[in-house]
Amino acid sequence: MKLVAVSAGLSSPSSTRLLADRLTASAAGKLPDGTGVEVVELRGLALDIAKHLVTGFPPPALGDALDAVTDADGLIAVTPVFNASYSGLFKSFFDLVDPDALTGTPVLLAATGGTARHSLVLDHALRPLFAHLRAPTVPTAVYAASEDWGSPGRDGGGATADLAARIDRAAGELAALMSARPARGTAAPGEGAGGNGLPDVVPFEQQLARLGG
């Protein structure tokens, strides 16, 4: 299996990347040995994303990032909050992902912001985006405000006990969904031969022929 995290943090260091790393490490620890792990940092791809939007052709580094997301068996998507929604860089990247590429791919949603008042972004912005892409999202989404990091008494990674617990729970849900998915190219019971979570479409003429028989 392959686990991919997308981080849209703009600063360096970034609390968005820190949260992405914490979620990735927790999920990877719950997946089988040998699971591939990759983190896509959008900050360094900003110019490539703009070029692709204008020209329709991705530069090599961006092409590799898009391929990584397309080939993922599980995805962690983390964005900073701007104006009560995901960042423009985050949205621009996912605008370039093939609309069918994430069908059936489980996604863990996460966001960072200066105050807990922005936590609703997870449900009113991020979930609808990935619902449109037909990607199932895990029940627990993770929001980290500034107050969740960096004070005395936090765990080794600088997170409060509450944030660490939410990270662990969300990562466990993602790992469970990834482990339950059939291997690529195979179909689970009731699914089509493509193994994409959707049933085969039977042409209307064939349905009529079966009724006639």
N, C-alpha and C. Protein backbone atom coordinates (compact mmCIF):
# COMPACT_ATOMS: atom_id res chain seq x y z
N MET A 1 0.83 -1.20 0.00
CA MET A 1 0.00 0.00 0.00
C MET A 1 0.87 1.24 0.00
N LYS A 2 0.23 2.36 -0.33
CA LYS A 2 0.94 3.63 -0.38
C LYS A 2 0.11 4.70 0.30
N LEU A 3 0.73 5.40 1.26
CA LEU A 3 0.11 6.49 1.98
C LEU A 3 0.76 7.79 1.54
N VAL A 4 -0.06 8.77 1.14
CA VAL A 4 0.46 10.06 0.69
C VAL A 4 -0.19 11.17 1.51
N ALA A 5 0.62 12.12 1.96
CA ALA A 5 0.12 13.30 2.66
C ALA A 5 0.40 14.53 1.81
N VAL A 6 -0.58 15.42 1.71
CA VAL A 6 -0.43 16.68 0.99
C VAL A 6 -0.49 17.81 2.00
N SER A 7 0.57 18.60 2.08
CA SER A 7 0.65 19.72 3.01
C SER A 7 0.69 21.03 2.22
N ALA A 8 -0.22 21.95 2.54
CA ALA A 8 -0.29 23.22 1.82
C ALA A 8 0.21 24.39 2.65
N GLY A 9 1.04 24.11 3.64
CA GLY A 9 1.60 25.19 4.45
C GLY A 9 2.48 26.11 3.63
N LEU A 10 2.48 27.40 3.96
CA LEU A 10 3.22 28.38 3.18
C LEU A 10 4.52 28.82 3.84
N SER A 11 4.63 28.65 5.14
CA SER A 11 5.84 29.09 5.84
C SER A 11 6.77 27.91 6.06
N SER A 12 7.98 28.23 6.51
CA SER A 12 8.95 27.18 6.82
C SER A 12 9.76 27.61 8.05
N PRO A 13 9.58 26.93 9.19
CA PRO A 13 8.73 25.75 9.41
C PRO A 13 7.26 26.12 9.42
N SER A 14 6.42 25.09 9.30
CA SER A 14 4.98 25.30 9.16
C SER A 14 4.23 24.38 10.11
N SER A 15 3.23 24.95 10.81
CA SER A 15 2.39 24.10 11.66
C SER A 15 1.57 23.14 10.82
N THR A 16 1.27 23.53 9.58
CA THR A 16 0.54 22.65 8.66
C THR A 16 1.38 21.42 8.34
N ARG A 17 2.66 21.63 8.03
CA ARG A 17 3.54 20.49 7.76
C ARG A 17 3.76 19.66 9.02
N LEU A 18 3.85 20.32 10.17
CA LEU A 18 4.01 19.58 11.41
C LEU A 18 2.83 18.67 11.65
N LEU A 19 1.61 19.18 11.43
CA LEU A 19 0.43 18.34 11.62
C LEU A 19 0.40 17.22 10.59
N ALA A 20 0.78 17.51 9.34
CA ALA A 20 0.83 16.46 8.32
C ALA A 20 1.80 15.36 8.72
N ASP A 21 2.96 15.75 9.24
CA ASP A 21 3.95 14.76 9.65
C ASP A 21 3.46 13.91 10.81
N ARG A 22 2.79 14.55 11.78
CA ARG A 22 2.28 13.81 12.92
C ARG A 22 1.21 12.80 12.49
N LEU A 23 0.31 13.23 11.62
CA LEU A 23 -0.74 12.33 11.13
C LEU A 23 -0.15 11.19 10.31
N THR A 24 0.84 11.50 9.47
CA THR A 24 1.46 10.48 8.63
C THR A 24 2.18 9.44 9.48
N ALA A 25 2.93 9.90 10.48
CA ALA A 25 3.65 8.96 11.34
C ALA A 25 2.69 8.07 12.11
N SER A 26 1.59 8.64 12.60
CA SER A 26 0.63 7.84 13.35
C SER A 26 -0.06 6.81 12.46
N ALA A 27 -0.46 7.22 11.26
CA ALA A 27 -1.13 6.29 10.36
C ALA A 27 -0.17 5.20 9.89
N ALA A 28 1.05 5.59 9.55
CA ALA A 28 2.03 4.60 9.07
C ALA A 28 2.32 3.56 10.15
N GLY A 29 2.29 3.97 11.40
CA GLY A 29 2.53 3.02 12.48
C GLY A 29 1.43 2.00 12.66
N LYS A 30 0.28 2.26 12.07
CA LYS A 30 -0.85 1.34 12.18
C LYS A 30 -1.06 0.51 10.91
N LEU A 31 -0.22 0.74 9.91
CA LEU A 31 -0.33 0.02 8.64
C LEU A 31 0.73 -1.08 8.57
N PRO A 32 0.56 -2.05 7.68
CA PRO A 32 1.53 -3.16 7.58
C PRO A 32 2.94 -2.66 7.23
N ASP A 33 3.92 -3.41 7.67
CA ASP A 33 5.30 -3.11 7.30
C ASP A 33 5.44 -3.10 5.79
N GLY A 34 6.24 -2.19 5.29
CA GLY A 34 6.44 -2.10 3.85
C GLY A 34 5.52 -1.12 3.16
N THR A 35 4.58 -0.52 3.91
CA THR A 35 3.71 0.49 3.32
C THR A 35 4.54 1.70 2.90
N GLY A 36 4.37 2.14 1.67
CA GLY A 36 5.10 3.31 1.19
C GLY A 36 4.49 4.59 1.75
N VAL A 37 5.34 5.54 2.11
CA VAL A 37 4.88 6.81 2.68
C VAL A 37 5.55 7.96 1.93
N GLU A 38 4.76 8.96 1.53
CA GLU A 38 5.29 10.13 0.83
C GLU A 38 4.54 11.37 1.27
N VAL A 39 5.27 12.47 1.48
CA VAL A 39 4.67 13.75 1.81
C VAL A 39 4.90 14.71 0.65
N VAL A 40 3.83 15.28 0.13
CA VAL A 40 3.89 16.26 -0.95
C VAL A 40 3.77 17.65 -0.34
N GLU A 41 4.81 18.45 -0.45
CA GLU A 41 4.84 19.81 0.08
C GLU A 41 4.51 20.77 -1.05
N LEU A 42 3.34 21.40 -0.98
CA LEU A 42 2.89 22.25 -2.08
C LEU A 42 3.63 23.58 -2.16
N ARG A 43 4.23 24.01 -1.07
CA ARG A 43 4.93 25.30 -1.05
C ARG A 43 5.96 25.40 -2.16
N GLY A 44 6.73 24.34 -2.36
CA GLY A 44 7.76 24.35 -3.39
C GLY A 44 7.23 24.13 -4.79
N LEU A 45 5.94 23.82 -4.91
CA LEU A 45 5.33 23.56 -6.22
C LEU A 45 4.41 24.69 -6.68
N ALA A 46 4.38 25.80 -5.92
CA ALA A 46 3.43 26.87 -6.22
C ALA A 46 3.59 27.41 -7.63
N LEU A 47 4.82 27.66 -8.06
CA LEU A 47 5.04 28.19 -9.41
C LEU A 47 4.65 27.15 -10.46
N ASP A 48 4.98 25.88 -10.22
CA ASP A 48 4.62 24.82 -11.16
C ASP A 48 3.10 24.69 -11.29
N ILE A 49 2.40 24.85 -10.16
CA ILE A 49 0.93 24.77 -10.19
C ILE A 49 0.36 25.89 -11.06
N ALA A 50 0.91 27.11 -10.89
CA ALA A 50 0.44 28.24 -11.70
C ALA A 50 0.72 28.01 -13.18
N LYS A 51 1.89 27.47 -13.49
CA LYS A 51 2.22 27.19 -14.88
C LYS A 51 1.27 26.16 -15.49
N HIS A 52 0.96 25.13 -14.72
CA HIS A 52 0.07 24.08 -15.21
C HIS A 52 -1.33 24.64 -15.46
N LEU A 53 -1.80 25.50 -14.56
CA LEU A 53 -3.12 26.09 -14.74
C LEU A 53 -3.21 26.92 -16.02
N VAL A 54 -2.09 27.55 -16.38
CA VAL A 54 -2.07 28.42 -17.56
C VAL A 54 -1.82 27.63 -18.85
N THR A 55 -0.88 26.68 -18.79
CA THR A 55 -0.45 25.98 -20.01
C THR A 55 -1.17 24.65 -20.23
N GLY A 56 -1.66 24.04 -19.13
CA GLY A 56 -2.28 22.73 -19.25
C GLY A 56 -1.29 21.58 -19.20
N PHE A 57 -0.01 21.88 -18.95
CA PHE A 57 1.02 20.84 -18.89
C PHE A 57 1.79 20.97 -17.58
N PRO A 58 1.91 19.88 -16.81
CA PRO A 58 2.61 19.96 -15.53
C PRO A 58 4.13 19.85 -15.70
N PRO A 59 4.91 20.71 -15.05
CA PRO A 59 6.36 20.50 -14.99
C PRO A 59 6.64 19.17 -14.29
N PRO A 60 7.85 18.61 -14.47
CA PRO A 60 8.13 17.27 -13.95
C PRO A 60 7.86 17.08 -12.46
N ALA A 61 8.28 18.02 -11.62
CA ALA A 61 8.08 17.85 -10.18
C ALA A 61 6.60 17.81 -9.82
N LEU A 62 5.81 18.67 -10.45
CA LEU A 62 4.38 18.67 -10.20
C LEU A 62 3.74 17.40 -10.75
N GLY A 63 4.20 16.95 -11.91
CA GLY A 63 3.68 15.70 -12.46
C GLY A 63 3.91 14.54 -11.52
N ASP A 64 5.09 14.50 -10.88
CA ASP A 64 5.37 13.43 -9.92
C ASP A 64 4.44 13.52 -8.71
N ALA A 65 4.17 14.75 -8.26
CA ALA A 65 3.28 14.92 -7.11
C ALA A 65 1.85 14.49 -7.45
N LEU A 66 1.38 14.84 -8.63
CA LEU A 66 0.04 14.43 -9.05
C LEU A 66 -0.05 12.92 -9.20
N ASP A 67 1.02 12.31 -9.73
CA ASP A 67 1.04 10.85 -9.86
C ASP A 67 1.00 10.18 -8.49
N ALA A 68 1.72 10.76 -7.52
CA ALA A 68 1.74 10.19 -6.17
C ALA A 68 0.34 10.19 -5.57
N VAL A 69 -0.38 11.29 -5.72
CA VAL A 69 -1.74 11.38 -5.19
C VAL A 69 -2.66 10.41 -5.92
N THR A 70 -2.53 10.33 -7.24
CA THR A 70 -3.37 9.44 -8.03
C THR A 70 -3.16 7.98 -7.64
N ASP A 71 -1.91 7.61 -7.33
CA ASP A 71 -1.58 6.21 -7.03
C ASP A 71 -1.76 5.85 -5.56
N ALA A 72 -2.15 6.80 -4.73
CA ALA A 72 -2.24 6.57 -3.28
C ALA A 72 -3.38 5.62 -2.94
N ASP A 73 -3.15 4.79 -1.93
CA ASP A 73 -4.21 3.95 -1.37
C ASP A 73 -4.89 4.65 -0.20
N GLY A 74 -4.27 5.70 0.30
CA GLY A 74 -4.84 6.51 1.37
C GLY A 74 -4.21 7.89 1.31
N LEU A 75 -4.98 8.92 1.62
CA LEU A 75 -4.51 10.29 1.47
C LEU A 75 -4.76 11.08 2.75
N ILE A 76 -3.78 11.88 3.13
CA ILE A 76 -3.93 12.84 4.22
C ILE A 76 -3.83 14.23 3.60
N ALA A 77 -4.85 15.06 3.76
CA ALA A 77 -4.89 16.38 3.14
C ALA A 77 -4.95 17.44 4.22
N VAL A 78 -3.92 18.31 4.27
CA VAL A 78 -3.80 19.29 5.34
C VAL A 78 -3.63 20.68 4.74
N THR A 79 -4.44 21.63 5.17
CA THR A 79 -4.37 22.99 4.64
C THR A 79 -4.43 24.00 5.77
N PRO A 80 -3.75 25.13 5.62
CA PRO A 80 -4.01 26.25 6.54
C PRO A 80 -5.35 26.89 6.17
N VAL A 81 -5.95 27.59 7.12
CA VAL A 81 -7.24 28.24 6.87
C VAL A 81 -7.01 29.70 6.48
N PHE A 82 -7.59 30.09 5.35
CA PHE A 82 -7.57 31.48 4.91
C PHE A 82 -9.01 31.91 4.61
N ASN A 83 -9.45 33.01 5.24
CA ASN A 83 -10.80 33.53 4.98
C ASN A 83 -11.86 32.44 5.14
N ALA A 84 -11.74 31.67 6.22
CA ALA A 84 -12.73 30.65 6.59
C ALA A 84 -12.83 29.50 5.60
N SER A 85 -11.77 29.24 4.82
CA SER A 85 -11.78 28.12 3.88
C SER A 85 -10.37 27.61 3.67
N TYR A 86 -10.23 26.61 2.78
CA TYR A 86 -8.89 26.11 2.46
C TYR A 86 -8.12 27.17 1.69
N SER A 87 -6.81 27.00 1.65
CA SER A 87 -5.97 27.98 0.96
C SER A 87 -6.12 27.86 -0.56
N GLY A 88 -5.81 28.95 -1.27
CA GLY A 88 -5.87 28.91 -2.73
C GLY A 88 -4.88 27.92 -3.31
N LEU A 89 -3.71 27.77 -2.68
CA LEU A 89 -2.72 26.81 -3.16
C LEU A 89 -3.24 25.38 -3.05
N PHE A 90 -3.88 25.08 -1.93
CA PHE A 90 -4.47 23.76 -1.72
C PHE A 90 -5.52 23.46 -2.79
N LYS A 91 -6.45 24.41 -3.00
CA LYS A 91 -7.52 24.20 -3.98
C LYS A 91 -6.96 24.11 -5.40
N SER A 92 -5.97 24.95 -5.72
CA SER A 92 -5.40 24.92 -7.07
C SER A 92 -4.76 23.57 -7.37
N PHE A 93 -4.10 22.98 -6.37
CA PHE A 93 -3.49 21.66 -6.59
C PHE A 93 -4.55 20.61 -6.86
N PHE A 94 -5.59 20.57 -6.05
CA PHE A 94 -6.61 19.54 -6.25
C PHE A 94 -7.47 19.82 -7.48
N ASP A 95 -7.48 21.06 -7.97
CA ASP A 95 -8.12 21.33 -9.26
C ASP A 95 -7.40 20.63 -10.40
N LEU A 96 -6.11 20.32 -10.20
CA LEU A 96 -5.31 19.68 -11.24
C LEU A 96 -5.33 18.16 -11.17
N VAL A 97 -5.86 17.61 -10.08
CA VAL A 97 -5.97 16.16 -9.94
C VAL A 97 -7.12 15.68 -10.82
N ASP A 98 -6.90 14.60 -11.56
CA ASP A 98 -7.95 14.05 -12.41
C ASP A 98 -9.22 13.82 -11.59
N PRO A 99 -10.38 14.26 -12.09
CA PRO A 99 -11.62 14.17 -11.31
C PRO A 99 -11.98 12.76 -10.85
N ASP A 100 -11.50 11.74 -11.56
CA ASP A 100 -11.81 10.36 -11.19
C ASP A 100 -10.70 9.68 -10.41
N ALA A 101 -9.59 10.37 -10.19
CA ALA A 101 -8.41 9.72 -9.62
C ALA A 101 -8.60 9.30 -8.17
N LEU A 102 -9.42 10.03 -7.42
CA LEU A 102 -9.56 9.75 -5.99
C LEU A 102 -10.84 8.98 -5.66
N THR A 103 -11.55 8.51 -6.67
CA THR A 103 -12.77 7.75 -6.42
C THR A 103 -12.46 6.53 -5.54
N GLY A 104 -13.09 6.48 -4.38
CA GLY A 104 -12.91 5.35 -3.47
C GLY A 104 -11.67 5.42 -2.61
N THR A 105 -10.83 6.43 -2.77
CA THR A 105 -9.61 6.54 -1.97
C THR A 105 -9.93 7.20 -0.63
N PRO A 106 -9.67 6.53 0.50
CA PRO A 106 -9.98 7.15 1.80
C PRO A 106 -9.08 8.34 2.07
N VAL A 107 -9.67 9.40 2.64
CA VAL A 107 -8.95 10.64 2.88
C VAL A 107 -9.15 11.07 4.33
N LEU A 108 -8.06 11.44 4.96
CA LEU A 108 -8.09 12.05 6.30
C LEU A 108 -7.95 13.56 6.11
N LEU A 109 -8.90 14.33 6.62
CA LEU A 109 -8.90 15.77 6.46
C LEU A 109 -8.33 16.45 7.69
N ALA A 110 -7.52 17.49 7.46
CA ALA A 110 -6.94 18.23 8.58
C ALA A 110 -6.68 19.67 8.17
N ALA A 111 -6.67 20.55 9.16
CA ALA A 111 -6.44 21.97 8.89
C ALA A 111 -5.79 22.62 10.10
N THR A 112 -5.13 23.74 9.86
CA THR A 112 -4.50 24.51 10.93
C THR A 112 -4.95 25.97 10.82
N GLY A 113 -4.97 26.64 11.96
CA GLY A 113 -5.36 28.04 11.96
C GLY A 113 -5.00 28.70 13.28
N GLY A 114 -5.17 30.01 13.34
CA GLY A 114 -4.78 30.74 14.53
C GLY A 114 -5.72 30.58 15.70
N THR A 115 -6.97 30.25 15.43
CA THR A 115 -7.97 30.13 16.49
C THR A 115 -8.91 28.97 16.21
N ALA A 116 -9.45 28.40 17.27
CA ALA A 116 -10.36 27.26 17.13
C ALA A 116 -11.66 27.64 16.44
N ARG A 117 -11.95 28.94 16.32
CA ARG A 117 -13.21 29.36 15.67
C ARG A 117 -13.27 28.94 14.21
N HIS A 118 -12.11 28.64 13.60
CA HIS A 118 -12.08 28.26 12.19
C HIS A 118 -12.25 26.76 11.97
N SER A 119 -12.47 26.00 13.02
CA SER A 119 -12.49 24.54 12.88
C SER A 119 -13.62 24.04 11.99
N LEU A 120 -14.68 24.83 11.81
CA LEU A 120 -15.79 24.40 10.96
C LEU A 120 -15.40 24.26 9.50
N VAL A 121 -14.21 24.77 9.15
CA VAL A 121 -13.74 24.64 7.77
C VAL A 121 -13.68 23.17 7.35
N LEU A 122 -13.45 22.29 8.31
CA LEU A 122 -13.34 20.87 7.99
C LEU A 122 -14.63 20.33 7.39
N ASP A 123 -15.77 20.79 7.93
CA ASP A 123 -17.06 20.26 7.48
C ASP A 123 -17.72 21.09 6.40
N HIS A 124 -17.51 22.42 6.40
CA HIS A 124 -18.23 23.20 5.39
C HIS A 124 -17.40 23.48 4.14
N ALA A 125 -16.12 23.14 4.14
CA ALA A 125 -15.30 23.36 2.94
C ALA A 125 -14.59 22.09 2.48
N LEU A 126 -13.88 21.42 3.39
CA LEU A 126 -13.07 20.27 2.97
C LEU A 126 -13.91 19.04 2.63
N ARG A 127 -14.87 18.70 3.47
CA ARG A 127 -15.68 17.50 3.16
C ARG A 127 -16.43 17.64 1.84
N PRO A 128 -17.07 18.78 1.55
CA PRO A 128 -17.73 18.91 0.24
C PRO A 128 -16.77 18.78 -0.93
N LEU A 129 -15.55 19.29 -0.79
CA LEU A 129 -14.59 19.18 -1.88
C LEU A 129 -14.29 17.72 -2.21
N PHE A 130 -14.02 16.92 -1.17
CA PHE A 130 -13.67 15.53 -1.44
C PHE A 130 -14.89 14.66 -1.71
N ALA A 131 -16.07 15.09 -1.27
CA ALA A 131 -17.29 14.41 -1.69
C ALA A 131 -17.49 14.58 -3.19
N HIS A 132 -17.17 15.77 -3.69
CA HIS A 132 -17.27 16.01 -5.14
C HIS A 132 -16.31 15.09 -5.90
N LEU A 133 -15.15 14.81 -5.31
CA LEU A 133 -14.16 13.93 -5.94
C LEU A 133 -14.46 12.45 -5.67
N ARG A 134 -15.57 12.18 -4.98
CA ARG A 134 -16.01 10.81 -4.67
C ARG A 134 -14.99 10.05 -3.84
N ALA A 135 -14.33 10.78 -2.94
CA ALA A 135 -13.36 10.17 -2.03
C ALA A 135 -13.97 10.10 -0.64
N PRO A 136 -14.10 8.91 -0.05
CA PRO A 136 -14.66 8.80 1.30
C PRO A 136 -13.71 9.41 2.33
N THR A 137 -14.24 10.22 3.22
CA THR A 137 -13.42 10.84 4.26
C THR A 137 -13.65 10.14 5.59
N VAL A 138 -12.60 10.01 6.39
CA VAL A 138 -12.72 9.33 7.68
C VAL A 138 -13.57 10.18 8.61
N PRO A 139 -14.27 9.56 9.57
CA PRO A 139 -15.18 10.32 10.44
C PRO A 139 -14.50 11.42 11.23
N THR A 140 -13.29 11.16 11.73
CA THR A 140 -12.59 12.14 12.55
C THR A 140 -11.69 13.01 11.70
N ALA A 141 -11.99 14.31 11.64
CA ALA A 141 -11.10 15.27 11.00
C ALA A 141 -10.34 16.00 12.11
N VAL A 142 -9.17 16.52 11.78
CA VAL A 142 -8.30 17.10 12.82
C VAL A 142 -8.03 18.57 12.51
N TYR A 143 -8.38 19.42 13.46
CA TYR A 143 -8.07 20.84 13.36
C TYR A 143 -7.12 21.20 14.49
N ALA A 144 -6.06 21.93 14.17
CA ALA A 144 -5.08 22.34 15.18
C ALA A 144 -4.95 23.86 15.15
N ALA A 145 -5.31 24.50 16.27
CA ALA A 145 -5.13 25.93 16.42
C ALA A 145 -3.76 26.20 17.03
N SER A 146 -3.37 27.46 17.05
CA SER A 146 -2.07 27.82 17.60
C SER A 146 -1.92 27.35 19.04
N GLU A 147 -3.00 27.39 19.79
CA GLU A 147 -2.96 27.01 21.20
C GLU A 147 -2.72 25.51 21.39
N ASP A 148 -2.84 24.72 20.33
CA ASP A 148 -2.63 23.28 20.44
C ASP A 148 -1.16 22.89 20.37
N TRP A 149 -0.29 23.85 20.14
CA TRP A 149 1.13 23.55 19.93
C TRP A 149 2.03 24.32 20.91
N GLY A 150 3.16 23.71 21.22
CA GLY A 150 4.32 24.42 21.71
C GLY A 150 4.37 24.93 23.12
N SER A 151 3.43 24.57 24.01
CA SER A 151 3.51 25.02 25.39
C SER A 151 4.08 23.92 26.27
N PRO A 152 4.60 24.28 27.46
CA PRO A 152 5.13 23.25 28.36
C PRO A 152 4.06 22.21 28.70
N GLY A 153 4.50 20.99 28.90
CA GLY A 153 3.57 19.93 29.25
C GLY A 153 2.99 19.21 28.06
N ARG A 154 3.38 19.63 26.85
CA ARG A 154 2.89 18.96 25.66
C ARG A 154 3.69 17.68 25.44
N ASP A 155 3.26 16.84 24.51
CA ASP A 155 3.99 15.61 24.24
C ASP A 155 5.28 15.94 23.49
N GLY A 156 6.03 14.91 23.14
CA GLY A 156 7.33 15.12 22.50
C GLY A 156 7.27 15.88 21.21
N GLY A 157 6.12 15.87 20.51
CA GLY A 157 5.99 16.59 19.26
C GLY A 157 5.37 17.95 19.42
N GLY A 158 5.14 18.40 20.67
CA GLY A 158 4.61 19.73 20.90
C GLY A 158 3.11 19.83 20.87
N ALA A 159 2.37 18.72 20.89
CA ALA A 159 0.91 18.75 20.80
C ALA A 159 0.28 18.55 22.17
N THR A 160 -0.88 19.15 22.37
CA THR A 160 -1.63 18.89 23.59
C THR A 160 -2.11 17.44 23.60
N ALA A 161 -2.49 16.98 24.79
CA ALA A 161 -3.00 15.61 24.89
C ALA A 161 -4.26 15.44 24.04
N ASP A 162 -5.10 16.48 23.99
CA ASP A 162 -6.33 16.40 23.20
C ASP A 162 -6.01 16.28 21.72
N LEU A 163 -5.09 17.11 21.22
CA LEU A 163 -4.72 17.04 19.81
C LEU A 163 -4.07 15.70 19.48
N ALA A 164 -3.19 15.23 20.38
CA ALA A 164 -2.54 13.93 20.15
C ALA A 164 -3.56 12.81 20.07
N ALA A 165 -4.61 12.88 20.90
CA ALA A 165 -5.64 11.85 20.89
C ALA A 165 -6.44 11.90 19.59
N ARG A 166 -6.75 13.11 19.11
CA ARG A 166 -7.48 13.23 17.85
C ARG A 166 -6.65 12.74 16.67
N ILE A 167 -5.35 13.04 16.70
CA ILE A 167 -4.45 12.55 15.65
C ILE A 167 -4.44 11.03 15.62
N ASP A 168 -4.33 10.43 16.79
CA ASP A 168 -4.27 8.96 16.88
C ASP A 168 -5.58 8.33 16.42
N ARG A 169 -6.70 8.92 16.80
CA ARG A 169 -8.00 8.36 16.41
C ARG A 169 -8.22 8.48 14.91
N ALA A 170 -7.94 9.65 14.35
CA ALA A 170 -8.13 9.84 12.90
C ALA A 170 -7.20 8.94 12.10
N ALA A 171 -5.96 8.81 12.55
CA ALA A 171 -5.00 7.95 11.86
C ALA A 171 -5.44 6.49 11.90
N GLY A 172 -6.00 6.08 13.01
CA GLY A 172 -6.50 4.70 13.12
C GLY A 172 -7.65 4.45 12.17
N GLU A 173 -8.54 5.44 12.03
CA GLU A 173 -9.66 5.29 11.09
C GLU A 173 -9.17 5.21 9.65
N LEU A 174 -8.17 6.02 9.31
CA LEU A 174 -7.63 5.97 7.95
C LEU A 174 -6.96 4.63 7.68
N ALA A 175 -6.15 4.17 8.63
CA ALA A 175 -5.46 2.89 8.46
C ALA A 175 -6.46 1.74 8.30
N ALA A 176 -7.56 1.79 9.04
CA ALA A 176 -8.58 0.73 8.94
C ALA A 176 -9.22 0.73 7.56
N LEU A 177 -9.54 1.91 7.03
CA LEU A 177 -10.14 1.98 5.69
C LEU A 177 -9.16 1.52 4.62
N MET A 178 -7.90 1.92 4.75
CA MET A 178 -6.91 1.49 3.77
C MET A 178 -6.73 -0.02 3.78
N SER A 179 -6.69 -0.60 4.97
CA SER A 179 -6.48 -2.05 5.08
C SER A 179 -7.67 -2.84 4.56
N ALA A 180 -8.86 -2.23 4.60
CA ALA A 180 -10.07 -2.92 4.15
C ALA A 180 -10.27 -2.83 2.65
N ARG A 181 -9.52 -1.96 1.97
CA ARG A 181 -9.70 -1.81 0.52
C ARG A 181 -9.12 -3.00 -0.23
N PRO A 182 -9.77 -3.44 -1.30
CA PRO A 182 -9.18 -4.50 -2.12
C PRO A 182 -7.95 -3.99 -2.84
N ALA A 183 -7.07 -4.92 -3.21
CA ALA A 183 -5.88 -4.53 -3.96
C ALA A 183 -6.28 -3.90 -5.28
N ARG A 184 -5.43 -3.00 -5.78
CA ARG A 184 -5.74 -2.35 -7.05
C ARG A 184 -5.89 -3.38 -8.16
N GLY A 185 -6.95 -3.19 -8.98
CA GLY A 185 -7.17 -4.10 -10.08
C GLY A 185 -8.06 -5.27 -9.73
N THR A 186 -8.44 -5.39 -8.43
CA THR A 186 -9.36 -6.44 -8.03
C THR A 186 -10.65 -5.81 -7.58
N ALA A 187 -11.70 -6.60 -7.50
CA ALA A 187 -13.00 -6.06 -7.13
C ALA A 187 -13.49 -6.75 -5.87
N ALA A 188 -14.01 -5.96 -4.96
CA ALA A 188 -14.67 -6.52 -3.79
C ALA A 188 -16.06 -6.98 -4.21
N PRO A 189 -16.71 -7.83 -3.37
CA PRO A 189 -18.06 -8.29 -3.71
C PRO A 189 -18.99 -7.12 -3.97
N GLY A 190 -19.71 -7.18 -5.10
CA GLY A 190 -20.64 -6.13 -5.45
C GLY A 190 -20.03 -4.99 -6.23
N GLU A 191 -18.70 -5.02 -6.41
CA GLU A 191 -18.04 -3.97 -7.16
C GLU A 191 -17.80 -4.41 -8.59
N GLY A 192 -17.51 -3.43 -9.43
CA GLY A 192 -17.15 -3.73 -10.80
C GLY A 192 -15.75 -4.28 -10.90
N ALA A 193 -15.37 -4.73 -12.07
CA ALA A 193 -14.06 -5.34 -12.26
C ALA A 193 -12.93 -4.35 -12.07
N GLY A 194 -13.22 -3.05 -12.13
CA GLY A 194 -12.18 -2.06 -11.94
C GLY A 194 -11.73 -1.93 -10.51
N GLY A 195 -12.49 -2.49 -9.55
CA GLY A 195 -12.10 -2.40 -8.17
C GLY A 195 -12.11 -0.97 -7.63
N ASN A 196 -12.96 -0.12 -8.18
CA ASN A 196 -12.98 1.29 -7.77
C ASN A 196 -14.13 1.61 -6.84
N GLY A 197 -14.79 0.59 -6.31
CA GLY A 197 -15.88 0.82 -5.38
C GLY A 197 -17.23 1.01 -6.05
N LEU A 198 -17.28 0.97 -7.37
CA LEU A 198 -18.52 1.20 -8.10
C LEU A 198 -18.92 -0.07 -8.84
N PRO A 199 -20.22 -0.37 -8.93
CA PRO A 199 -20.65 -1.56 -9.66
C PRO A 199 -20.47 -1.37 -11.15
N ASP A 200 -20.34 -2.51 -11.86
CA ASP A 200 -20.28 -2.45 -13.31
C ASP A 200 -21.60 -1.89 -13.86
N VAL A 201 -21.50 -1.11 -14.93
CA VAL A 201 -22.69 -0.58 -15.59
C VAL A 201 -23.09 -1.55 -16.70
N VAL A 202 -24.31 -2.07 -16.62
CA VAL A 202 -24.83 -2.99 -17.62
C VAL A 202 -25.59 -2.19 -18.66
N PRO A 203 -25.20 -2.27 -19.94
CA PRO A 203 -25.92 -1.52 -20.98
C PRO A 203 -27.41 -1.83 -20.96
N PHE A 204 -28.21 -0.82 -21.32
CA PHE A 204 -29.67 -0.94 -21.27
C PHE A 204 -30.17 -2.08 -22.15
N GLU A 205 -29.52 -2.26 -23.33
CA GLU A 205 -29.95 -3.32 -24.24
C GLU A 205 -29.80 -4.69 -23.58
N GLN A 206 -28.70 -4.88 -22.83
CA GLN A 206 -28.48 -6.16 -22.15
C GLN A 206 -29.53 -6.38 -21.05
N GLN A 207 -29.88 -5.29 -20.32
CA GLN A 207 -30.90 -5.43 -19.30
C GLN A 207 -32.24 -5.86 -19.90
N LEU A 208 -32.59 -5.27 -21.06
CA LEU A 208 -33.83 -5.66 -21.73
C LEU A 208 -33.79 -7.11 -22.20
N ALA A 209 -32.63 -7.53 -22.71
CA ALA A 209 -32.49 -8.91 -23.19
C ALA A 209 -32.68 -9.90 -22.04
N ARG A 210 -32.13 -9.56 -20.86
CA ARG A 210 -32.28 -10.45 -19.70
C ARG A 210 -33.76 -10.55 -19.28
N LEU A 211 -34.46 -9.41 -19.33
CA LEU A 211 -35.88 -9.44 -18.98
C LEU A 211 -36.66 -10.31 -19.97
N GLY A 212 -36.29 -10.19 -21.25
CA GLY A 212 -36.97 -10.98 -22.26
C GLY A 212 -36.73 -12.46 -22.09
N GLY A 213 -35.50 -12.82 -21.65
CA GLY A 213 -35.20 -14.24 -21.47
C GLY A 213 -35.97 -14.83 -20.31
